[in-house]
Amino acid sequence: MASRRILVRAGDEKSGGELAGIMHDAIEQRQRMKRPIAVTILGCLFIVAGTVGLVYHLRERPLEPQIALVSAIRILAIVGGIFLLLGHSWARWLLVVWLGFHVVVSAFHSPSEALAHAALLFVVGYFLFWPPASKYFQSSPSIADDAGPR
């Protein structure tokens, strides 16, 4: 990023200040670009859906052999929702893939369930990639920005 301040260079003795500088820049940038309400709602919905599903499956069916896989899938929804709220662009892709997976799985249950999940995928995909959301995620710091050579 062009506006990023470089507080520490290789060989400097102030290496503890680098993380503080990165965090300060991320906070400044976050204040400049407000999170779209659709991103906030979707992030919260995925956190709630993942949590409710995880609790349900662990409470109602703890001895089923596939509980580890089901739990991992629910945890992915929670992680995606959290990082969506934090402004990480990769989280939108994770959540779209997560919903796409549910479209495929629900196709084995019933056509109406698959259609409902496909409609959700379309709506969620639209709101995660529409111009205000794309602009928000472009202004968010990423791991690549923080880890790259200076």
N, C-alpha and C. Protein backbone atom coordinates (compact mmCIF):
# COMPACT_ATOMS: atom_id res chain seq x y z
N MET A 1 0.83 -1.18 0.00
CA MET A 1 0.00 0.00 0.00
C MET A 1 0.87 1.23 0.00
N ALA A 2 0.51 2.19 -0.79
CA ALA A 2 1.32 3.38 -0.96
C ALA A 2 1.34 4.26 0.28
N SER A 3 0.25 4.30 1.03
CA SER A 3 0.16 5.20 2.17
C SER A 3 0.73 4.60 3.46
N ARG A 4 1.16 3.37 3.42
CA ARG A 4 1.64 2.69 4.63
C ARG A 4 2.95 3.32 5.10
N ARG A 5 3.01 3.62 6.37
CA ARG A 5 4.25 4.12 6.96
C ARG A 5 5.15 2.94 7.26
N ILE A 6 6.42 3.09 6.99
CA ILE A 6 7.37 2.02 7.30
C ILE A 6 8.11 2.45 8.56
N LEU A 7 7.77 1.78 9.65
CA LEU A 7 8.38 2.13 10.93
C LEU A 7 9.68 1.39 11.17
N VAL A 8 9.79 0.20 10.64
CA VAL A 8 10.96 -0.62 10.92
C VAL A 8 11.48 -1.21 9.62
N ARG A 9 12.75 -1.11 9.43
CA ARG A 9 13.39 -1.73 8.28
C ARG A 9 14.30 -2.83 8.81
N ALA A 10 14.69 -3.72 7.93
CA ALA A 10 15.60 -4.81 8.34
C ALA A 10 16.84 -4.22 8.96
N GLY A 11 17.21 -4.73 10.12
CA GLY A 11 18.40 -4.25 10.80
C GLY A 11 18.11 -3.19 11.85
N ASP A 12 16.93 -2.56 11.84
CA ASP A 12 16.60 -1.58 12.87
C ASP A 12 16.45 -2.26 14.21
N GLU A 13 16.68 -1.52 15.26
CA GLU A 13 16.57 -2.08 16.59
C GLU A 13 15.17 -1.92 17.16
N LYS A 14 14.27 -1.22 16.47
CA LYS A 14 12.92 -0.97 16.97
C LYS A 14 11.92 -2.00 16.45
N SER A 15 12.28 -3.26 16.36
CA SER A 15 11.42 -4.27 15.75
C SER A 15 10.08 -4.42 16.45
N GLY A 16 9.97 -4.07 17.71
CA GLY A 16 8.70 -4.15 18.43
C GLY A 16 7.68 -3.15 17.90
N GLY A 17 8.14 -2.10 17.25
CA GLY A 17 7.24 -1.07 16.75
C GLY A 17 6.59 -1.41 15.44
N GLU A 18 7.09 -2.42 14.74
CA GLU A 18 6.53 -2.77 13.44
C GLU A 18 5.08 -3.21 13.55
N LEU A 19 4.81 -4.10 14.48
CA LEU A 19 3.44 -4.59 14.65
C LEU A 19 2.51 -3.44 15.06
N ALA A 20 2.98 -2.59 15.94
CA ALA A 20 2.17 -1.44 16.37
C ALA A 20 1.88 -0.52 15.18
N GLY A 21 2.86 -0.33 14.32
CA GLY A 21 2.66 0.51 13.14
C GLY A 21 1.67 -0.09 12.17
N ILE A 22 1.75 -1.40 11.97
CA ILE A 22 0.82 -2.08 11.08
C ILE A 22 -0.59 -1.99 11.64
N MET A 23 -0.73 -2.22 12.94
CA MET A 23 -2.05 -2.15 13.58
C MET A 23 -2.61 -0.74 13.50
N HIS A 24 -1.78 0.26 13.73
CA HIS A 24 -2.22 1.65 13.67
C HIS A 24 -2.72 1.99 12.27
N ASP A 25 -1.97 1.55 11.25
CA ASP A 25 -2.38 1.80 9.87
C ASP A 25 -3.70 1.10 9.55
N ALA A 26 -3.86 -0.13 10.04
CA ALA A 26 -5.10 -0.87 9.79
C ALA A 26 -6.29 -0.16 10.44
N ILE A 27 -6.10 0.36 11.64
CA ILE A 27 -7.18 1.07 12.33
C ILE A 27 -7.53 2.35 11.58
N GLU A 28 -6.52 3.10 11.15
CA GLU A 28 -6.79 4.32 10.37
C GLU A 28 -7.55 4.01 9.10
N GLN A 29 -7.13 2.97 8.42
CA GLN A 29 -7.78 2.59 7.18
C GLN A 29 -9.21 2.14 7.41
N ARG A 30 -9.44 1.41 8.47
CA ARG A 30 -10.78 0.93 8.81
C ARG A 30 -11.70 2.10 9.10
N GLN A 31 -11.18 3.15 9.73
CA GLN A 31 -12.00 4.31 10.05
C GLN A 31 -12.38 5.06 8.78
N ARG A 32 -11.55 5.01 7.76
CA ARG A 32 -11.85 5.69 6.50
C ARG A 32 -12.94 4.99 5.71
N MET A 33 -13.03 3.67 5.80
CA MET A 33 -13.99 2.91 5.01
C MET A 33 -14.92 2.16 5.94
N LYS A 34 -16.16 2.56 5.97
CA LYS A 34 -17.14 1.92 6.84
C LYS A 34 -17.62 0.61 6.22
N ARG A 35 -17.81 -0.41 7.05
CA ARG A 35 -18.27 -1.71 6.58
C ARG A 35 -19.71 -1.60 6.10
N PRO A 36 -20.00 -2.10 4.88
CA PRO A 36 -21.40 -2.10 4.39
C PRO A 36 -22.29 -2.94 5.31
N ILE A 37 -23.51 -2.50 5.51
CA ILE A 37 -24.44 -3.18 6.41
C ILE A 37 -24.69 -4.63 5.96
N ALA A 38 -24.70 -4.87 4.65
CA ALA A 38 -24.91 -6.24 4.16
C ALA A 38 -23.79 -7.16 4.61
N VAL A 39 -22.57 -6.68 4.64
CA VAL A 39 -21.43 -7.48 5.08
C VAL A 39 -21.57 -7.78 6.58
N THR A 40 -21.99 -6.78 7.34
CA THR A 40 -22.19 -6.97 8.78
C THR A 40 -23.27 -8.02 9.04
N ILE A 41 -24.39 -7.90 8.35
CA ILE A 41 -25.50 -8.85 8.54
C ILE A 41 -25.07 -10.26 8.15
N LEU A 42 -24.44 -10.40 6.99
CA LEU A 42 -24.01 -11.73 6.55
C LEU A 42 -22.97 -12.34 7.48
N GLY A 43 -22.01 -11.54 7.92
CA GLY A 43 -21.01 -12.05 8.85
C GLY A 43 -21.65 -12.58 10.12
N CYS A 44 -22.59 -11.82 10.67
CA CYS A 44 -23.28 -12.24 11.89
C CYS A 44 -24.13 -13.48 11.64
N LEU A 45 -24.81 -13.54 10.49
CA LEU A 45 -25.64 -14.70 10.16
C LEU A 45 -24.80 -15.98 10.05
N PHE A 46 -23.64 -15.89 9.43
CA PHE A 46 -22.79 -17.07 9.31
C PHE A 46 -22.25 -17.50 10.67
N ILE A 47 -21.92 -16.55 11.52
CA ILE A 47 -21.46 -16.90 12.87
C ILE A 47 -22.57 -17.61 13.63
N VAL A 48 -23.78 -17.06 13.56
CA VAL A 48 -24.92 -17.66 14.27
C VAL A 48 -25.25 -19.04 13.68
N ALA A 49 -25.33 -19.13 12.34
CA ALA A 49 -25.66 -20.42 11.71
C ALA A 49 -24.63 -21.48 12.04
N GLY A 50 -23.36 -21.12 12.00
CA GLY A 50 -22.32 -22.08 12.33
C GLY A 50 -22.37 -22.51 13.78
N THR A 51 -22.60 -21.56 14.67
CA THR A 51 -22.67 -21.87 16.11
C THR A 51 -23.87 -22.73 16.44
N VAL A 52 -25.04 -22.36 15.93
CA VAL A 52 -26.25 -23.14 16.20
C VAL A 52 -26.10 -24.56 15.66
N GLY A 53 -25.61 -24.68 14.43
CA GLY A 53 -25.41 -26.01 13.85
C GLY A 53 -24.40 -26.84 14.61
N LEU A 54 -23.32 -26.21 15.05
CA LEU A 54 -22.28 -26.92 15.81
C LEU A 54 -22.85 -27.43 17.14
N VAL A 55 -23.53 -26.56 17.86
CA VAL A 55 -24.12 -26.95 19.14
C VAL A 55 -25.15 -28.06 18.93
N TYR A 56 -26.00 -27.90 17.93
CA TYR A 56 -27.02 -28.92 17.66
C TYR A 56 -26.39 -30.29 17.39
N HIS A 57 -25.45 -30.33 16.48
CA HIS A 57 -24.85 -31.62 16.11
C HIS A 57 -24.05 -32.24 17.25
N LEU A 58 -23.35 -31.42 18.02
CA LEU A 58 -22.58 -31.97 19.13
C LEU A 58 -23.48 -32.42 20.28
N ARG A 59 -24.60 -31.77 20.43
CA ARG A 59 -25.51 -32.11 21.52
C ARG A 59 -26.43 -33.29 21.16
N GLU A 60 -26.97 -33.27 19.95
CA GLU A 60 -27.96 -34.26 19.55
C GLU A 60 -27.37 -35.54 18.96
N ARG A 61 -26.20 -35.42 18.36
CA ARG A 61 -25.62 -36.57 17.66
C ARG A 61 -24.12 -36.72 17.93
N PRO A 62 -23.71 -36.76 19.17
CA PRO A 62 -22.27 -36.75 19.47
C PRO A 62 -21.53 -38.03 19.08
N LEU A 63 -22.24 -39.12 18.88
CA LEU A 63 -21.56 -40.40 18.62
C LEU A 63 -21.56 -40.80 17.14
N GLU A 64 -22.12 -39.97 16.29
CA GLU A 64 -22.12 -40.31 14.86
C GLU A 64 -20.69 -40.25 14.33
N PRO A 65 -20.36 -41.17 13.42
CA PRO A 65 -18.97 -41.23 12.93
C PRO A 65 -18.53 -39.98 12.16
N GLN A 66 -19.44 -39.30 11.51
CA GLN A 66 -19.06 -38.14 10.70
C GLN A 66 -19.12 -36.83 11.47
N ILE A 67 -19.23 -36.87 12.81
CA ILE A 67 -19.38 -35.65 13.60
C ILE A 67 -18.17 -34.72 13.47
N ALA A 68 -16.97 -35.27 13.31
CA ALA A 68 -15.78 -34.42 13.15
C ALA A 68 -15.86 -33.60 11.87
N LEU A 69 -16.29 -34.24 10.77
CA LEU A 69 -16.42 -33.52 9.50
C LEU A 69 -17.53 -32.47 9.58
N VAL A 70 -18.66 -32.84 10.15
CA VAL A 70 -19.77 -31.90 10.29
C VAL A 70 -19.35 -30.72 11.15
N SER A 71 -18.64 -31.00 12.24
CA SER A 71 -18.19 -29.93 13.14
C SER A 71 -17.19 -29.01 12.42
N ALA A 72 -16.29 -29.59 11.65
CA ALA A 72 -15.31 -28.78 10.91
C ALA A 72 -16.01 -27.86 9.92
N ILE A 73 -17.04 -28.35 9.26
CA ILE A 73 -17.78 -27.53 8.31
C ILE A 73 -18.49 -26.38 9.02
N ARG A 74 -19.06 -26.66 10.18
CA ARG A 74 -19.72 -25.60 10.97
C ARG A 74 -18.70 -24.58 11.47
N ILE A 75 -17.53 -25.05 11.87
CA ILE A 75 -16.48 -24.13 12.34
C ILE A 75 -16.01 -23.23 11.20
N LEU A 76 -15.96 -23.77 9.98
CA LEU A 76 -15.60 -22.92 8.83
C LEU A 76 -16.57 -21.76 8.66
N ALA A 77 -17.85 -22.00 8.90
CA ALA A 77 -18.84 -20.92 8.80
C ALA A 77 -18.57 -19.85 9.86
N ILE A 78 -18.24 -20.29 11.06
CA ILE A 78 -17.96 -19.34 12.14
C ILE A 78 -16.71 -18.53 11.82
N VAL A 79 -15.65 -19.21 11.41
CA VAL A 79 -14.39 -18.54 11.07
C VAL A 79 -14.61 -17.56 9.91
N GLY A 80 -15.34 -18.01 8.88
CA GLY A 80 -15.63 -17.13 7.75
C GLY A 80 -16.40 -15.90 8.17
N GLY A 81 -17.39 -16.07 9.03
CA GLY A 81 -18.17 -14.92 9.50
C GLY A 81 -17.33 -13.94 10.30
N ILE A 82 -16.48 -14.46 11.17
CA ILE A 82 -15.62 -13.59 11.97
C ILE A 82 -14.68 -12.78 11.08
N PHE A 83 -14.01 -13.48 10.17
CA PHE A 83 -13.04 -12.77 9.33
C PHE A 83 -13.71 -11.90 8.27
N LEU A 84 -14.95 -12.19 7.95
CA LEU A 84 -15.72 -11.30 7.08
C LEU A 84 -15.93 -9.98 7.80
N LEU A 85 -16.29 -10.04 9.07
CA LEU A 85 -16.49 -8.83 9.85
C LEU A 85 -15.18 -8.06 10.05
N LEU A 86 -14.07 -8.78 10.04
CA LEU A 86 -12.77 -8.12 10.19
C LEU A 86 -12.24 -7.56 8.87
N GLY A 87 -12.96 -7.83 7.78
CA GLY A 87 -12.61 -7.23 6.50
C GLY A 87 -11.62 -8.00 5.65
N HIS A 88 -11.49 -9.29 5.86
CA HIS A 88 -10.57 -10.09 5.06
C HIS A 88 -11.29 -10.63 3.82
N SER A 89 -10.77 -10.30 2.66
CA SER A 89 -11.40 -10.67 1.41
C SER A 89 -11.51 -12.18 1.22
N TRP A 90 -10.53 -12.93 1.69
CA TRP A 90 -10.57 -14.39 1.52
C TRP A 90 -11.78 -15.00 2.22
N ALA A 91 -12.30 -14.34 3.24
CA ALA A 91 -13.45 -14.86 3.98
C ALA A 91 -14.70 -14.89 3.11
N ARG A 92 -14.83 -13.92 2.18
CA ARG A 92 -16.00 -13.97 1.29
C ARG A 92 -15.93 -15.19 0.39
N TRP A 93 -14.75 -15.53 -0.08
CA TRP A 93 -14.61 -16.71 -0.93
C TRP A 93 -14.88 -17.99 -0.13
N LEU A 94 -14.38 -18.02 1.10
CA LEU A 94 -14.64 -19.17 1.96
C LEU A 94 -16.14 -19.38 2.14
N LEU A 95 -16.88 -18.32 2.40
CA LEU A 95 -18.31 -18.44 2.65
C LEU A 95 -19.09 -18.78 1.39
N VAL A 96 -18.66 -18.29 0.25
CA VAL A 96 -19.33 -18.66 -1.01
C VAL A 96 -19.09 -20.14 -1.31
N VAL A 97 -17.86 -20.62 -1.09
CA VAL A 97 -17.57 -22.04 -1.29
C VAL A 97 -18.35 -22.88 -0.28
N TRP A 98 -18.45 -22.40 0.95
CA TRP A 98 -19.20 -23.10 2.00
C TRP A 98 -20.66 -23.27 1.58
N LEU A 99 -21.25 -22.19 1.06
CA LEU A 99 -22.64 -22.28 0.60
C LEU A 99 -22.76 -23.16 -0.64
N GLY A 100 -21.79 -23.07 -1.54
CA GLY A 100 -21.79 -23.94 -2.72
C GLY A 100 -21.75 -25.41 -2.34
N PHE A 101 -20.97 -25.72 -1.33
CA PHE A 101 -20.93 -27.09 -0.80
C PHE A 101 -22.32 -27.52 -0.32
N HIS A 102 -23.00 -26.60 0.35
CA HIS A 102 -24.35 -26.92 0.85
C HIS A 102 -25.36 -27.10 -0.28
N VAL A 103 -25.17 -26.41 -1.38
CA VAL A 103 -26.04 -26.62 -2.54
C VAL A 103 -25.87 -28.06 -3.04
N VAL A 104 -24.63 -28.50 -3.16
CA VAL A 104 -24.35 -29.86 -3.64
C VAL A 104 -24.90 -30.91 -2.66
N VAL A 105 -24.63 -30.74 -1.38
CA VAL A 105 -25.11 -31.70 -0.39
C VAL A 105 -26.63 -31.74 -0.36
N SER A 106 -27.26 -30.58 -0.40
CA SER A 106 -28.73 -30.54 -0.33
C SER A 106 -29.37 -31.13 -1.58
N ALA A 107 -28.65 -31.18 -2.68
CA ALA A 107 -29.18 -31.80 -3.90
C ALA A 107 -29.42 -33.30 -3.69
N PHE A 108 -28.68 -33.90 -2.75
CA PHE A 108 -28.89 -35.31 -2.44
C PHE A 108 -30.11 -35.52 -1.54
N HIS A 109 -30.59 -34.45 -0.91
CA HIS A 109 -31.76 -34.55 -0.04
C HIS A 109 -33.06 -34.36 -0.81
N SER A 110 -33.19 -33.18 -1.43
CA SER A 110 -34.40 -32.90 -2.20
C SER A 110 -34.14 -31.74 -3.15
N PRO A 111 -34.86 -31.70 -4.26
CA PRO A 111 -34.69 -30.58 -5.19
C PRO A 111 -35.08 -29.24 -4.57
N SER A 112 -36.09 -29.23 -3.74
CA SER A 112 -36.51 -27.95 -3.14
C SER A 112 -35.45 -27.42 -2.17
N GLU A 113 -34.80 -28.32 -1.45
CA GLU A 113 -33.72 -27.90 -0.54
C GLU A 113 -32.53 -27.37 -1.32
N ALA A 114 -32.20 -28.04 -2.42
CA ALA A 114 -31.10 -27.57 -3.26
C ALA A 114 -31.42 -26.21 -3.87
N LEU A 115 -32.66 -26.03 -4.29
CA LEU A 115 -33.07 -24.74 -4.86
C LEU A 115 -32.99 -23.62 -3.82
N ALA A 116 -33.40 -23.92 -2.60
CA ALA A 116 -33.33 -22.92 -1.53
C ALA A 116 -31.87 -22.53 -1.24
N HIS A 117 -30.98 -23.52 -1.18
CA HIS A 117 -29.57 -23.23 -0.95
C HIS A 117 -28.96 -22.48 -2.14
N ALA A 118 -29.37 -22.82 -3.35
CA ALA A 118 -28.87 -22.11 -4.53
C ALA A 118 -29.31 -20.65 -4.51
N ALA A 119 -30.56 -20.40 -4.09
CA ALA A 119 -31.04 -19.02 -3.99
C ALA A 119 -30.23 -18.25 -2.93
N LEU A 120 -29.95 -18.90 -1.80
CA LEU A 120 -29.11 -18.27 -0.78
C LEU A 120 -27.72 -17.98 -1.32
N LEU A 121 -27.16 -18.93 -2.05
CA LEU A 121 -25.84 -18.73 -2.64
C LEU A 121 -25.83 -17.52 -3.56
N PHE A 122 -26.86 -17.37 -4.38
CA PHE A 122 -26.95 -16.24 -5.29
C PHE A 122 -27.03 -14.92 -4.52
N VAL A 123 -27.89 -14.86 -3.52
CA VAL A 123 -28.08 -13.62 -2.75
C VAL A 123 -26.81 -13.27 -1.97
N VAL A 124 -26.25 -14.25 -1.28
CA VAL A 124 -25.02 -14.00 -0.51
C VAL A 124 -23.88 -13.59 -1.44
N GLY A 125 -23.73 -14.31 -2.55
CA GLY A 125 -22.69 -13.95 -3.51
C GLY A 125 -22.85 -12.54 -4.05
N TYR A 126 -24.08 -12.17 -4.32
CA TYR A 126 -24.33 -10.81 -4.82
C TYR A 126 -23.87 -9.77 -3.80
N PHE A 127 -24.31 -9.93 -2.55
CA PHE A 127 -24.00 -8.92 -1.54
C PHE A 127 -22.54 -8.94 -1.08
N LEU A 128 -21.85 -10.06 -1.24
CA LEU A 128 -20.44 -10.08 -0.87
C LEU A 128 -19.54 -9.53 -1.97
N PHE A 129 -20.06 -9.48 -3.20
CA PHE A 129 -19.23 -9.03 -4.32
C PHE A 129 -19.78 -7.79 -5.02
N TRP A 130 -20.86 -7.19 -4.51
CA TRP A 130 -21.38 -5.97 -5.13
C TRP A 130 -20.38 -4.84 -4.89
N PRO A 131 -20.43 -3.76 -5.67
CA PRO A 131 -19.39 -2.73 -5.61
C PRO A 131 -19.07 -2.17 -4.22
N PRO A 132 -20.05 -1.83 -3.36
CA PRO A 132 -19.64 -1.32 -2.04
C PRO A 132 -18.86 -2.34 -1.21
N ALA A 133 -19.24 -3.61 -1.29
CA ALA A 133 -18.52 -4.64 -0.54
C ALA A 133 -17.12 -4.84 -1.13
N SER A 134 -17.03 -4.87 -2.44
CA SER A 134 -15.72 -5.05 -3.08
C SER A 134 -14.79 -3.90 -2.72
N LYS A 135 -15.31 -2.70 -2.70
CA LYS A 135 -14.50 -1.54 -2.32
C LYS A 135 -14.04 -1.66 -0.86
N TYR A 136 -14.93 -2.10 0.00
CA TYR A 136 -14.60 -2.28 1.41
C TYR A 136 -13.48 -3.30 1.57
N PHE A 137 -13.59 -4.43 0.88
CA PHE A 137 -12.57 -5.47 1.03
C PHE A 137 -11.26 -5.07 0.38
N GLN A 138 -11.29 -4.23 -0.65
CA GLN A 138 -10.05 -3.76 -1.26
C GLN A 138 -9.31 -2.81 -0.32
N SER A 139 -10.04 -2.10 0.52
CA SER A 139 -9.39 -1.15 1.43
C SER A 139 -8.93 -1.81 2.71
N SER A 140 -9.28 -3.09 2.89
CA SER A 140 -8.89 -3.80 4.12
C SER A 140 -7.48 -4.32 4.01
N PRO A 141 -6.77 -4.36 5.14
CA PRO A 141 -5.42 -4.91 5.12
C PRO A 141 -5.48 -6.41 4.91
N SER A 142 -4.48 -6.93 4.25
CA SER A 142 -4.41 -8.38 4.04
C SER A 142 -3.07 -8.88 4.55
N ILE A 143 -2.99 -10.18 4.66
CA ILE A 143 -1.75 -10.79 5.11
C ILE A 143 -0.62 -10.48 4.14
N ALA A 144 -0.92 -10.48 2.86
CA ALA A 144 0.10 -10.21 1.84
C ALA A 144 0.65 -8.80 2.02
N ASP A 145 -0.21 -7.83 2.36
CA ASP A 145 0.26 -6.46 2.56
C ASP A 145 1.21 -6.37 3.74
N ASP A 146 0.91 -7.12 4.80
CA ASP A 146 1.69 -7.02 6.02
C ASP A 146 2.98 -7.83 5.95
N ALA A 147 3.01 -8.90 5.16
CA ALA A 147 4.16 -9.80 5.17
C ALA A 147 5.16 -9.52 4.06
N GLY A 148 4.80 -8.71 3.12
CA GLY A 148 5.66 -8.48 1.97
C GLY A 148 6.92 -7.72 2.33
N PRO A 149 7.96 -7.80 1.47
CA PRO A 149 9.21 -7.08 1.73
C PRO A 149 9.00 -5.59 1.60
N ARG A 150 9.75 -4.85 2.31
CA ARG A 150 9.61 -3.39 2.32
C ARG A 150 10.67 -2.78 1.47
